[in-house]
PDB file of N, CA and C in Angstrom:
ATOM      1  N   MET A   1     -46.714  25.821 -11.193  1.00  0.00           N
ATOM      2  CA  MET A   1     -47.097  25.535 -12.523  1.00  0.00           C
ATOM      3  C   MET A   1     -48.279  26.536 -13.330  1.00  0.00           C
ATOM      4  N   GLY A   2     -47.963  26.410 -14.141  1.00  0.00           N
ATOM      5  CA  GLY A   2     -49.380  27.668 -14.766  1.00  0.00           C
ATOM      6  C   GLY A   2     -50.315  26.351 -15.182  1.00  0.00           C
ATOM      7  N   GLU A   3     -51.367  26.793 -15.636  1.00  0.00           N
ATOM      8  CA  GLU A   3     -52.456  26.640 -15.775  1.00  0.00           C
ATOM      9  C   GLU A   3     -52.375  26.521 -17.467  1.00  0.00           C
ATOM     10  N   CYS A   4     -53.419  25.668 -18.018  1.00  0.00           N
ATOM     11  CA  CYS A   4     -53.581  25.488 -19.613  1.00  0.00           C
ATOM     12  C   CYS A   4     -54.578  26.745 -19.703  1.00  0.00           C
ATOM     13  N   SER A   5     -54.223  26.971 -20.897  1.00  0.00           N
ATOM     14  CA  SER A   5     -55.345  28.419 -21.359  1.00  0.00           C
ATOM     15  C   SER A   5     -56.194  27.658 -21.862  1.00  0.00           C
ATOM     16  N   GLN A   6     -57.093  28.194 -22.275  1.00  0.00           N
ATOM     17  CA  GLN A   6     -58.795  27.829 -23.115  1.00  0.00           C
ATOM     18  C   GLN A   6     -58.383  26.993 -24.011  1.00  0.00           C
ATOM     19  N   GLU A   7     -57.166  27.133 -25.306  1.00  0.00           N
ATOM     20  CA  GLU A   7     -56.745  26.887 -26.381  1.00  0.00           C
ATOM     21  C   GLU A   7     -56.040  25.523 -25.957  1.00  0.00           C
ATOM     22  N   GLY A   8     -55.947  25.245 -24.847  1.00  0.00           N
ATOM     23  CA  GLY A   8     -55.637  23.530 -24.313  1.00  0.00           C
ATOM     24  C   GLY A   8     -53.677  23.307 -24.585  1.00  0.00           C
ATOM     25  N   CYS A   9     -53.215  24.822 -23.985  1.00  0.00           N
ATOM     26  CA  CYS A   9     -51.867  25.029 -24.322  1.00  0.00           C
ATOM     27  C   CYS A   9     -51.379  25.776 -22.919  1.00  0.00           C
ATOM     28  N   CYS A  10     -50.102  24.513 -22.473  1.00  0.00           N
ATOM     29  CA  CYS A  10     -49.040  25.087 -21.856  1.00  0.00           C
ATOM     30  C   CYS A  10     -48.546  26.754 -21.430  1.00  0.00           C
ATOM     31  N   PRO A  11     -48.311  27.208 -20.982  1.00  0.00           N
ATOM     32  CA  PRO A  11     -47.523  28.656 -20.576  1.00  0.00           C
ATOM     33  C   PRO A  11     -46.559  28.515 -21.998  1.00  0.00           C
ATOM     34  N   GLU A  12     -45.296  27.350 -21.779  1.00  0.00           N
ATOM     35  CA  GLU A  12     -44.554  27.283 -22.767  1.00  0.00           C
ATOM     36  C   GLU A  12     -44.965  27.054 -24.090  1.00  0.00           C
ATOM     37  N   LYS A  13     -46.177  27.108 -24.576  1.00  0.00           N
ATOM     38  CA  LYS A  13     -46.238  26.560 -25.729  1.00  0.00           C
ATOM     39  C   LYS A  13     -46.310  25.404 -26.166  1.00  0.00           C
ATOM     40  N   LYS A  14     -46.504  24.827 -25.268  1.00  0.00           N
ATOM     41  CA  LYS A  14     -46.585  23.090 -25.756  1.00  0.00           C
ATOM     42  C   LYS A  14     -47.812  22.524 -25.569  1.00  0.00           C
ATOM     43  N   GLU A  15     -48.402  21.900 -26.346  1.00  0.00           N
ATOM     44  CA  GLU A  15     -49.492  21.570 -26.553  1.00  0.00           C
ATOM     45  C   GLU A  15     -50.077  20.175 -24.707  1.00  0.00           C
ATOM     46  N   CYS A  16     -51.370  20.695 -24.452  1.00  0.00           N
ATOM     47  CA  CYS A  16     -52.154  19.819 -23.476  1.00  0.00           C
ATOM     48  C   CYS A  16     -52.343  18.522 -24.198  1.00  0.00           C
ATOM     49  N   HIS A  17     -52.623  17.213 -23.284  1.00  0.00           N
ATOM     50  CA  HIS A  17     -53.314  16.409 -24.004  1.00  0.00           C
ATOM     51  C   HIS A  17     -54.498  16.443 -23.903  1.00  0.00           C
ATOM     52  N   GLU A  18     -55.623  17.260 -23.126  1.00  0.00           N
ATOM     53  CA  GLU A  18     -56.523  17.514 -23.003  1.00  0.00           C
ATOM     54  C   GLU A  18     -56.772  18.545 -23.144  1.00  0.00           C
ATOM     55  N   LYS A  19     -58.414  19.643 -23.665  1.00  0.00           N
ATOM     56  CA  LYS A  19     -58.162  20.814 -23.408  1.00  0.00           C
ATOM     57  C   LYS A  19     -59.196  21.505 -22.327  1.00  0.00           C
ATOM     58  N   GLU A  20     -58.856  20.685 -20.861  1.00  0.00           N
ATOM     59  CA  GLU A  20     -59.555  21.409 -19.927  1.00  0.00           C
ATOM     60  C   GLU A  20     -58.713  22.410 -19.089  1.00  0.00           C
ATOM     61  N   GLU A  21     -58.920  22.957 -18.561  1.00  0.00           N
ATOM     62  CA  GLU A  21     -58.028  23.882 -17.568  1.00  0.00           C
ATOM     63  C   GLU A  21     -57.676  23.341 -16.466  1.00  0.00           C
ATOM     64  N   TYR A  22     -56.305  23.073 -16.394  1.00  0.00           N
ATOM     65  CA  TYR A  22     -55.514  22.757 -15.063  1.00  0.00           C
ATOM     66  C   TYR A  22     -54.515  22.715 -15.177  1.00  0.00           C
ATOM     67  N   GLU A  23     -53.436  22.202 -14.675  1.00  0.00           N
ATOM     68  CA  GLU A  23     -51.737  22.705 -14.553  1.00  0.00           C
ATOM     69  C   GLU A  23     -51.139  21.546 -15.856  1.00  0.00           C
ATOM     70  N   CYS A  24     -50.842  21.515 -16.513  1.00  0.00           N
ATOM     71  CA  CYS A  24     -50.192  20.782 -17.439  1.00  0.00           C
ATOM     72  C   CYS A  24     -48.705  20.621 -17.469  1.00  0.00           C
ATOM     73  N   ASP A  25     -48.084  21.519 -17.519  1.00  0.00           N
ATOM     74  CA  ASP A  25     -46.729  21.606 -17.853  1.00  0.00           C
ATOM     75  C   ASP A  25     -46.180  20.960 -17.172  1.00  0.00           C
ATOM     76  N   PHE A  26     -46.309  20.531 -16.053  1.00  0.00           N
ATOM     77  CA  PHE A  26     -45.281  19.370 -15.388  1.00  0.00           C
ATOM     78  C   PHE A  26     -45.756  18.303 -16.104  1.00  0.00           C
ATOM     79  N   SER A  27     -47.108  17.787 -16.317  1.00  0.00           N
ATOM     80  CA  SER A  27     -47.548  16.282 -16.602  1.00  0.00           C
ATOM     81  C   SER A  27     -46.680  15.854 -18.512  1.00  0.00           C
ATOM     82  N   SER A  28     -47.193  17.786 -18.740  1.00  0.00           N
ATOM     83  CA  SER A  28     -47.231  17.529 -20.307  1.00  0.00           C
ATOM     84  C   SER A  28     -45.254  17.012 -20.460  1.00  0.00           C
ATOM     85  N   TRP A  29     -44.268  17.686 -19.609  1.00  0.00           N
ATOM     86  CA  TRP A  29     -43.048  17.513 -19.280  1.00  0.00           C
ATOM     87  C   TRP A  29     -42.687  15.887 -19.179  1.00  0.00           C
ATOM     88  N   LEU A  30     -43.473  15.047 -17.880  1.00  0.00           N
ATOM     89  CA  LEU A  30     -43.088  14.283 -17.669  1.00  0.00           C
ATOM     90  C   LEU A  30     -43.360  13.340 -19.375  1.00  0.00           C
ATOM     91  N   LEU A  31     -44.698  13.772 -19.638  1.00  0.00           N
ATOM     92  CA  LEU A  31     -44.957  12.762 -20.641  1.00  0.00           C
ATOM     93  C   LEU A  31     -43.657  13.170 -22.187  1.00  0.00           C
ATOM     94  N   GLU A  32     -43.021  14.011 -22.218  1.00  0.00           N
ATOM     95  CA  GLU A  32     -41.727  14.091 -23.055  1.00  0.00           C
ATOM     96  C   GLU A  32     -40.868  13.717 -23.027  1.00  0.00           C
ATOM     97  N   VAL A  33     -40.393  13.723 -21.642  1.00  0.00           N
ATOM     98  CA  VAL A  33     -39.591  12.591 -21.027  1.00  0.00           C
ATOM     99  C   VAL A  33     -39.342  11.506 -20.900  1.00  0.00           C
ATOM    100  N   ALA A  34     -40.785  10.935 -21.489  1.00  0.00           N
ATOM    101  CA  ALA A  34     -40.756   9.567 -21.322  1.00  0.00           C
ATOM    102  C   ALA A  34     -40.451   9.126 -22.656  1.00  0.00           C
ATOM    103  N   ASP A  35     -41.241  10.024 -23.906  1.00  0.00           N
ATOM    104  CA  ASP A  35     -41.399   9.674 -25.334  1.00  0.00           C
ATOM    105  C   ASP A  35     -39.303   9.936 -25.420  1.00  0.00           C
ATOM    106  N   GLU A  36     -38.309  11.125 -24.785  1.00  0.00           N
ATOM    107  CA  GLU A  36     -37.475  10.894 -24.839  1.00  0.00           C
ATOM    108  C   GLU A  36     -36.707   9.871 -24.716  1.00  0.00           C
ATOM    109  N   ALA A  37     -36.953   9.281 -23.259  1.00  0.00           N
ATOM    110  CA  ALA A  37     -36.092   7.983 -22.823  1.00  0.00           C
ATOM    111  C   ALA A  37     -36.057   7.010 -23.929  1.00  0.00           C
ATOM    112  N   TRP A  38     -37.711   6.515 -24.204  1.00  0.00           N
ATOM    113  CA  TRP A  38     -37.766   5.311 -25.643  1.00  0.00           C
ATOM    114  C   TRP A  38     -37.200   5.658 -26.422  1.00  0.00           C
ATOM    115  N   THR A  39     -37.078   7.174 -26.936  1.00  0.00           N
ATOM    116  CA  THR A  39     -35.989   7.480 -28.089  1.00  0.00           C
ATOM    117  C   THR A  39     -34.879   6.946 -28.252  1.00  0.00           C
ATOM    118  N   GLU A  40     -34.112   7.132 -27.001  1.00  0.00           N
ATOM    119  CA  GLU A  40     -33.180   6.977 -26.075  1.00  0.00           C
ATOM    120  C   GLU A  40     -32.686   5.317 -26.617  1.00  0.00           C
ATOM    121  N   VAL A  41     -33.782   4.807 -25.785  1.00  0.00           N
ATOM    122  CA  VAL A  41     -33.244   3.017 -25.810  1.00  0.00           C
ATOM    123  C   VAL A  41     -33.600   2.390 -26.937  1.00  0.00           C
ATOM    124  N   LEU A  42     -34.493   3.441 -28.363  1.00  0.00           N
ATOM    125  CA  LEU A  42     -34.279   2.743 -29.302  1.00  0.00           C
ATOM    126  C   LEU A  42     -33.595   3.007 -29.996  1.00  0.00           C
ATOM    127  N   LYS A  43     -32.895   4.060 -29.945  1.00  0.00           N
ATOM    128  CA  LYS A  43     -31.144   4.298 -30.780  1.00  0.00           C
ATOM    129  C   LYS A  43     -30.308   3.564 -30.431  1.00  0.00           C
ATOM    130  N   GLU A  44     -30.636   3.369 -28.438  1.00  0.00           N
ATOM    131  CA  GLU A  44     -29.114   2.826 -28.368  1.00  0.00           C
ATOM    132  C   GLU A  44     -29.393   0.786 -28.819  1.00  0.00           C
ATOM    133  N   LYS A  45     -30.588   0.292 -29.081  1.00  0.00           N
ATOM    134  CA  LYS A  45     -30.486  -0.758 -29.367  1.00  0.00           C
ATOM    135  C   LYS A  45     -30.365  -1.213 -31.224  1.00  0.00           C
ATOM    136  N   ILE A  46     -30.701   0.314 -31.476  1.00  0.00           N
ATOM    137  CA  ILE A  46     -30.261   0.389 -32.999  1.00  0.00           C
ATOM    138  C   ILE A  46     -28.308   0.322 -33.170  1.00  0.00           C
ATOM    139  N   LYS A  47     -28.412   1.079 -32.466  1.00  0.00           N
ATOM    140  CA  LYS A  47     -26.532   1.214 -32.370  1.00  0.00           C
ATOM    141  C   LYS A  47     -25.933  -0.045 -32.124  1.00  0.00           C
ATOM    142  N   GLU A  48     -26.382  -0.639 -30.756  1.00  0.00           N
ATOM    143  CA  GLU A  48     -26.266  -2.473 -30.817  1.00  0.00           C
ATOM    144  C   GLU A  48     -25.928  -3.230 -32.101  1.00  0.00           C
ATOM    145  N   TYR A  49     -27.548  -3.205 -32.740  1.00  0.00           N
ATOM    146  CA  TYR A  49     -27.617  -3.901 -33.785  1.00  0.00           C
ATOM    147  C   TYR A  49     -26.397  -3.928 -34.998  1.00  0.00           C
ATOM    148  N   ILE A  50     -26.349  -2.683 -34.909  1.00  0.00           N
ATOM    149  CA  ILE A  50     -25.466  -2.235 -36.079  1.00  0.00           C
ATOM    150  C   ILE A  50     -23.760  -2.651 -35.845  1.00  0.00           C
ATOM    151  N   LEU A  51     -23.619  -2.440 -34.711  1.00  0.00           N
ATOM    152  CA  LEU A  51     -22.582  -2.896 -34.236  1.00  0.00           C
ATOM    153  C   LEU A  51     -22.380  -4.423 -34.102  1.00  0.00           C
ATOM    154  N   SER A  52     -23.356  -5.662 -33.811  1.00  0.00           N
ATOM    155  CA  SER A  52     -23.254  -6.740 -33.632  1.00  0.00           C
ATOM    156  C   SER A  52     -23.676  -7.534 -35.075  1.00  0.00           C
ATOM    157  N   THR A  53     -23.513  -6.545 -36.060  1.00  0.00           N
ATOM    158  CA  THR A  53     -23.960  -7.024 -37.768  1.00  0.00           C
ATOM    159  C   THR A  53     -23.177  -6.150 -38.632  1.00  0.00           C
ATOM    160  N   GLN A  54     -22.910  -4.840 -38.547  1.00  0.00           N
ATOM    161  CA  GLN A  54     -21.911  -4.127 -39.164  1.00  0.00           C
ATOM    162  C   GLN A  54     -20.504  -3.801 -39.039  1.00  0.00           C
ATOM    163  N   GLU A  55     -19.912  -3.973 -37.843  1.00  0.00           N
ATOM    164  CA  GLU A  55     -19.024  -3.450 -37.205  1.00  0.00           C
ATOM    165  C   GLU A  55     -17.703  -3.239 -38.379  1.00  0.00           C
ATOM    166  N   ASP A  56     -17.408  -4.300 -39.085  1.00  0.00           N
ATOM    167  CA  ASP A  56     -16.602  -3.923 -39.762  1.00  0.00           C
ATOM    168  C   ASP A  56     -16.761  -2.990 -41.521  1.00  0.00           C
ATOM    169  N   ARG A  57     -17.849  -3.216 -41.713  1.00  0.00           N
ATOM    170  CA  ARG A  57     -18.386  -1.563 -42.644  1.00  0.00           C
ATOM    171  C   ARG A  57     -18.436  -0.332 -42.033  1.00  0.00           C
ATOM    172  N   MET A  58     -18.723  -0.491 -40.305  1.00  0.00           N
ATOM    173  CA  MET A  58     -19.089   1.079 -40.424  1.00  0.00           C
ATOM    174  C   MET A  58     -17.738   1.401 -39.533  1.00  0.00           C
ATOM    175  N   THR A  59     -16.380   0.690 -38.880  1.00  0.00           N
ATOM    176  CA  THR A  59     -15.661   0.532 -39.079  1.00  0.00           C
ATOM    177  C   THR A  59     -14.463   1.239 -40.347  1.00  0.00           C
ATOM    178  N   GLU A  60     -14.838   0.556 -41.462  1.00  0.00           N
ATOM    179  CA  GLU A  60     -14.164   1.337 -41.959  1.00  0.00           C
ATOM    180  C   GLU A  60     -15.055   2.691 -43.091  1.00  0.00           C
ATOM    181  N   LEU A  61     -16.386   2.639 -42.907  1.00  0.00           N
ATOM    182  CA  LEU A  61     -16.876   3.899 -43.322  1.00  0.00           C
ATOM    183  C   LEU A  61     -16.769   5.315 -42.414  1.00  0.00           C
ATOM    184  N   ALA A  62     -16.290   4.816 -41.266  1.00  0.00           N
ATOM    185  CA  ALA A  62     -15.654   5.662 -39.824  1.00  0.00           C
ATOM    186  C   ALA A  62     -14.868   6.508 -40.587  1.00  0.00           C
ATOM    187  N   LYS A  63     -14.117   5.624 -41.264  1.00  0.00           N
ATOM    188  CA  LYS A  63     -12.304   5.612 -41.033  1.00  0.00           C
ATOM    189  C   LYS A  63     -12.288   6.683 -42.350  1.00  0.00           C
ATOM    190  N   ILE A  64     -13.420   6.265 -43.541  1.00  0.00           N
ATOM    191  CA  ILE A  64     -13.648   7.115 -44.617  1.00  0.00           C
ATOM    192  C   ILE A  64     -13.819   8.779 -44.612  1.00  0.00           C
ATOM    193  N   VAL A  65     -14.598   8.774 -43.411  1.00  0.00           N
ATOM    194  CA  VAL A  65     -15.482   9.687 -43.458  1.00  0.00           C
ATOM    195  C   VAL A  65     -14.475  10.702 -42.208  1.00  0.00           C
ATOM    196  N   ALA A  66     -13.960  10.293 -41.523  1.00  0.00           N
ATOM    197  CA  ALA A  66     -12.958  10.959 -40.388  1.00  0.00           C
ATOM    198  C   ALA A  66     -11.604  11.145 -41.047  1.00  0.00           C
ATOM    199  N   GLU A  67     -10.723  10.425 -42.588  1.00  0.00           N
ATOM    200  CA  GLU A  67     -10.148  11.046 -42.597  1.00  0.00           C
ATOM    201  C   GLU A  67     -10.771  12.196 -44.159  1.00  0.00           C
ATOM    202  N   ALA A  68     -11.554  12.141 -44.422  1.00  0.00           N
ATOM    203  CA  ALA A  68     -11.810  12.902 -45.081  1.00  0.00           C
ATOM    204  C   ALA A  68     -12.377  14.248 -44.849  1.00  0.00           C
ATOM    205  N   ASN A  69     -12.806  14.362 -43.546  1.00  0.00           N
ATOM    206  CA  ASN A  69     -12.819  15.576 -42.688  1.00  0.00           C
ATOM    207  C   ASN A  69     -11.689  15.856 -42.064  1.00  0.00           C
ATOM    208  N   ASP A  70     -10.351  15.208 -41.909  1.00  0.00           N
ATOM    209  CA  ASP A  70      -9.132  15.651 -41.429  1.00  0.00           C
ATOM    210  C   ASP A  70      -8.791  16.182 -42.843  1.00  0.00           C
ATOM    211  N   HIS A  71      -8.661  16.083 -43.565  1.00  0.00           N
ATOM    212  CA  HIS A  71      -8.364  16.910 -45.168  1.00  0.00           C
ATOM    213  C   HIS A  71      -8.887  17.872 -45.039  1.00  0.00           C
ATOM    214  N   ARG A  72     -10.719  18.033 -44.999  1.00  0.00           N
ATOM    215  CA  ARG A  72     -10.817  19.020 -44.887  1.00  0.00           C
ATOM    216  C   ARG A  72     -10.344  20.198 -44.672  1.00  0.00           C
ATOM    217  N   TRP A  73     -10.346  20.188 -43.162  1.00  0.00           N
ATOM    218  CA  TRP A  73     -10.052  20.957 -41.998  1.00  0.00           C
ATOM    219  C   TRP A  73      -8.335  21.170 -42.351  1.00  0.00           C
ATOM    220  N   LYS A  74      -7.724  20.698 -42.485  1.00  0.00           N
ATOM    221  CA  LYS A  74      -6.228  20.595 -43.105  1.00  0.00           C
ATOM    222  C   LYS A  74      -6.534  21.809 -44.213  1.00  0.00           C
ATOM    223  N   HIS A  75      -7.368  21.494 -44.960  1.00  0.00           N
ATOM    224  CA  HIS A  75      -7.227  22.225 -46.291  1.00  0.00           C
ATOM    225  C   HIS A  75      -7.734  24.085 -45.784  1.00  0.00           C
ATOM    226  N   ARG A  76      -8.978  23.759 -45.096  1.00  0.00           N
ATOM    227  CA  ARG A  76      -9.474  24.943 -43.971  1.00  0.00           C
ATOM    228  C   ARG A  76      -8.553  26.232 -43.101  1.00  0.00           C
ATOM    229  N   MET A  77      -7.616  25.103 -42.773  1.00  0.00           N
ATOM    230  CA  MET A  77      -6.053  25.880 -41.800  1.00  0.00           C
ATOM    231  C   MET A  77      -5.503  26.584 -42.745  1.00  0.00           C
ATOM    232  N   GLU A  78      -5.055  25.989 -43.949  1.00  0.00           N
ATOM    233  CA  GLU A  78      -3.592  26.450 -44.711  1.00  0.00           C
ATOM    234  C   GLU A  78      -4.240  27.183 -45.318  1.00  0.00           C
ATOM    235  N   LYS A  79      -5.944  27.626 -45.888  1.00  0.00           N
ATOM    236  CA  LYS A  79      -6.421  28.289 -46.403  1.00  0.00           C
ATOM    237  C   LYS A  79      -6.353  29.599 -45.041  1.00  0.00           C
ATOM    238  N   ASN A  80      -6.775  29.427 -43.956  1.00  0.00           N
ATOM    239  CA  ASN A  80      -6.941  30.423 -42.768  1.00  0.00           C
ATOM    240  C   ASN A  80      -5.465  31.427 -42.950  1.00  0.00           C
ATOM    241  N   HIS A  81      -4.309  30.493 -42.878  1.00  0.00           N
ATOM    242  CA  HIS A  81      -3.040  30.983 -42.826  1.00  0.00           C
ATOM    243  C   HIS A  81      -2.673  31.674 -43.779  1.00  0.00           C
ATOM    244  N   CYS A  82      -2.832  31.073 -44.740  1.00  0.00           N
ATOM    245  CA  CYS A  82      -2.841  32.092 -45.904  1.00  0.00           C
ATOM    246  C   CYS A  82      -3.443  33.233 -46.137  1.00  0.00           C
ATOM    247  N   CYS A  83      -4.244  33.316 -45.646  1.00  0.00           N
ATOM    248  CA  CYS A  83      -5.448  34.577 -45.368  1.00  0.00           C
ATOM    249  C   CYS A  83      -5.038  35.877 -44.566  1.00  0.00           C
ATOM    250  N   MET A  84      -4.166  34.473 -43.050  1.00  0.00           N
ATOM    251  CA  MET A  84      -3.890  35.601 -42.325  1.00  0.00           C
ATOM    252  C   MET A  84      -2.235  36.247 -42.715  1.00  0.00           C
ATOM    253  N   ASP A  85      -1.560  35.044 -43.674  1.00  0.00           N
ATOM    254  CA  ASP A  85      -0.311  35.823 -44.264  1.00  0.00           C
ATOM    255  C   ASP A  85      -0.638  37.143 -45.179  1.00  0.00           C
ATOM    256  N   PHE A  86      -1.624  36.991 -46.166  1.00  0.00           N
ATOM    257  CA  PHE A  86      -1.751  37.514 -46.926  1.00  0.00           C
ATOM    258  C   PHE A  86      -2.517  39.444 -46.151  1.00  0.00           C
ATOM    259  N   LYS A  87      -2.790  38.941 -45.360  1.00  0.00           N
ATOM    260  CA  LYS A  87      -3.268  40.211 -44.259  1.00  0.00           C
ATOM    261  C   LYS A  87      -2.183  41.052 -42.987  1.00  0.00           C
ATOM    262  N   GLU A  88      -1.112  39.912 -42.896  1.00  0.00           N
ATOM    263  CA  GLU A  88      -0.072  40.819 -42.101  1.00  0.00           C
ATOM    264  C   GLU A  88       0.743  41.050 -42.963  1.00  0.00           C
ATOM    265  N   LYS A  89       1.086  40.635 -44.724  1.00  0.00           N
ATOM    266  CA  LYS A  89       1.668  41.728 -45.696  1.00  0.00           C
ATOM    267  C   LYS A  89       1.297  42.512 -46.001  1.00  0.00           C
ATOM    268  N   LEU A  90      -0.169  42.987 -45.805  1.00  0.00           N
ATOM    269  CA  LEU A  90      -0.525  44.530 -46.371  1.00  0.00           C
ATOM    270  C   LEU A  90      -0.435  45.315 -45.227  1.00  0.00           C
ATOM    271  N   SER A  91      -0.833  44.521 -43.842  1.00  0.00           N
ATOM    272  CA  SER A  91      -0.141  45.333 -43.143  1.00  0.00           C
ATOM    273  C   SER A  91       0.982  46.252 -42.741  1.00  0.00           C
ATOM    274  N   ARG A  92       1.966  45.201 -42.994  1.00  0.00           N
ATOM    275  CA  ARG A  92       2.929  45.644 -42.984  1.00  0.00           C
ATOM    276  C   ARG A  92       3.445  46.648 -44.370  1.00  0.00           C
ATOM    277  N   PHE A  93       3.012  46.187 -45.135  1.00  0.00           N
ATOM    278  CA  PHE A  93       2.745  47.000 -46.207  1.00  0.00           C
ATOM    279  C   PHE A  93       2.374  48.781 -46.471  1.00  0.00           C
ATOM    280  N   PHE A  94       1.558  48.788 -45.439  1.00  0.00           N
ATOM    281  CA  PHE A  94       0.893  49.543 -45.250  1.00  0.00           C
ATOM    282  C   PHE A  94       0.844  50.393 -43.898  1.00  0.00           C
ATOM    283  N   GLY A  95       2.305  49.671 -43.212  1.00  0.00           N
ATOM    284  CA  GLY A  95       2.697  50.535 -42.213  1.00  0.00           C
ATOM    285  C   GLY A  95       2.107  49.795 -40.714  1.00  0.00           C
ATOM    286  N   GLY A  96       1.100  49.298 -40.730  1.00  0.00           N
ATOM    287  CA  GLY A  96       0.830  48.392 -39.614  1.00  0.00           C
ATOM    288  C   GLY A  96      -0.390  49.011 -39.406  1.00  0.00           C
ATOM    289  N   CYS A  97      -0.787  49.119 -37.965  1.00  0.00           N
ATOM    290  CA  CYS A  97      -2.343  49.408 -37.358  1.00  0.00           C
ATOM    291  C   CYS A  97      -1.949  50.451 -36.874  1.00  0.00           C
ATOM    292  N   LYS A  98      -2.523  51.661 -36.698  1.00  0.00           N
ATOM    293  CA  LYS A  98      -1.841  53.230 -36.591  1.00  0.00           C
ATOM    294  C   LYS A  98      -3.233  53.121 -35.385  1.00  0.00           C
ATOM    295  N   LYS A  99      -3.103  53.364 -34.186  1.00  0.00           N
ATOM    296  CA  LYS A  99      -3.679  53.617 -33.341  1.00  0.00           C
ATOM    297  C   LYS A  99      -4.048  54.763 -32.285  1.00  0.00           C
TER     298      LYS A  99
END
């Protein structure tokens, strides 16, 4: 483990919680893990609440978004296919790629 620099930062440029010199990267990392875990638990609780109170509306919204995304990708693929057809026609017109 690295030691805190005089500025109070760990070698990975993460802030230490105190400005003393000691090995802080592991302890700082553990505190970050704890923060992330707390956030994940909170997110899960929020999801549970949303599902228990808004499930029908969320399902409807998900359907609207999924259908729009599907349409967007179909359009992109058609556009890409059109561009590929155009490039192939140009290639044939000019005699193909010559190596």
